[in-house]
PDB file of N, CA and C in Angstrom:
ATOM      1  N   PHE A   1     -24.396  -1.397   2.505  1.00  0.00           N
ATOM      2  CA  PHE A   1     -24.283  -0.732   3.801  1.00  0.00           C
ATOM      3  C   PHE A   1     -23.132  -1.351   4.603  1.00  0.00           C
ATOM      4  N   PRO A   2     -22.458  -0.530   5.448  1.00  0.00           N
ATOM      5  CA  PRO A   2     -21.316  -1.026   6.220  1.00  0.00           C
ATOM      6  C   PRO A   2     -21.728  -1.970   7.355  1.00  0.00           C
ATOM      7  N   ILE A   3     -21.304  -3.210   7.274  1.00  0.00           N
ATOM      8  CA  ILE A   3     -21.577  -4.180   8.336  1.00  0.00           C
ATOM      9  C   ILE A   3     -20.551  -3.997   9.454  1.00  0.00           C
ATOM     10  N   ASP A   4     -19.280  -4.026   9.095  1.00  0.00           N
ATOM     11  CA  ASP A   4     -18.211  -3.750  10.055  1.00  0.00           C
ATOM     12  C   ASP A   4     -17.793  -2.289   9.910  1.00  0.00           C
ATOM     13  N   ASP A   5     -18.158  -1.483  10.886  1.00  0.00           N
ATOM     14  CA  ASP A   5     -17.916  -0.039  10.802  1.00  0.00           C
ATOM     15  C   ASP A   5     -16.438   0.279  11.029  1.00  0.00           C
ATOM     16  N   ASP A   6     -15.682   0.235   9.915  1.00  0.00           N
ATOM     17  CA  ASP A   6     -14.259   0.569   9.974  1.00  0.00           C
ATOM     18  C   ASP A   6     -14.061   2.034   9.578  1.00  0.00           C
ATOM     19  N   ASP A   7     -14.643   2.390   8.445  1.00  0.00           N
ATOM     20  CA  ASP A   7     -14.587   3.779   7.972  1.00  0.00           C
ATOM     21  C   ASP A   7     -15.986   4.243   7.556  1.00  0.00           C
ATOM     22  N   LYS A   8     -17.013   3.768   8.277  1.00  0.00           N
ATOM     23  CA  LYS A   8     -18.388   4.086   7.893  1.00  0.00           C
ATOM     24  C   LYS A   8     -18.730   5.561   8.113  1.00  0.00           C
ATOM     25  N   ILE A   9     -17.941   6.233   8.955  1.00  0.00           N
ATOM     26  CA  ILE A   9     -18.157   7.657   9.203  1.00  0.00           C
ATOM     27  C   ILE A   9     -17.790   8.459   7.950  1.00  0.00           C
ATOM     28  N   VAL A  10     -16.670   8.082   7.336  1.00  0.00           N
ATOM     29  CA  VAL A  10     -16.194   8.775   6.135  1.00  0.00           C
ATOM     30  C   VAL A  10     -16.857   8.200   4.871  1.00  0.00           C
ATOM     31  N   GLY A  11     -17.442   7.020   5.011  1.00  0.00           N
ATOM     32  CA  GLY A  11     -18.161   6.431   3.883  1.00  0.00           C
ATOM     33  C   GLY A  11     -17.382   5.341   3.161  1.00  0.00           C
ATOM     34  N   GLY A  12     -16.223   4.934   3.731  1.00  0.00           N
ATOM     35  CA  GLY A  12     -15.444   3.868   3.108  1.00  0.00           C
ATOM     36  C   GLY A  12     -15.567   2.567   3.870  1.00  0.00           C
ATOM     37  N   TYR A  13     -16.024   1.534   3.201  1.00  0.00           N
ATOM     38  CA  TYR A  13     -16.227   0.243   3.865  1.00  0.00           C
ATOM     39  C   TYR A  13     -14.928  -0.564   3.762  1.00  0.00           C
ATOM     40  N   THR A  14     -14.097  -0.422   4.779  1.00  0.00           N
ATOM     41  CA  THR A  14     -12.772  -1.044   4.755  1.00  0.00           C
ATOM     42  C   THR A  14     -12.869  -2.540   5.082  1.00  0.00           C
ATOM     43  N   ASN A  15     -13.646  -2.875   6.118  1.00  0.00           N
ATOM     44  CA  ASN A  15     -13.740  -4.253   6.571  1.00  0.00           C
ATOM     45  C   ASN A  15     -14.605  -5.095   5.635  1.00  0.00           C
ATOM     46  N   ARG A  16     -15.801  -4.637   5.374  1.00  0.00           N
ATOM     47  CA  ARG A  16     -16.723  -5.390   4.531  1.00  0.00           C
ATOM     48  C   ARG A  16     -16.808  -4.718   3.151  1.00  0.00           C
TER      49      ARG A  16
END
């Protein structure tokens, strides 16, 4: 699951 919501809307976990 995305901890740092960088691209969590699109489903890509950029930060974490």
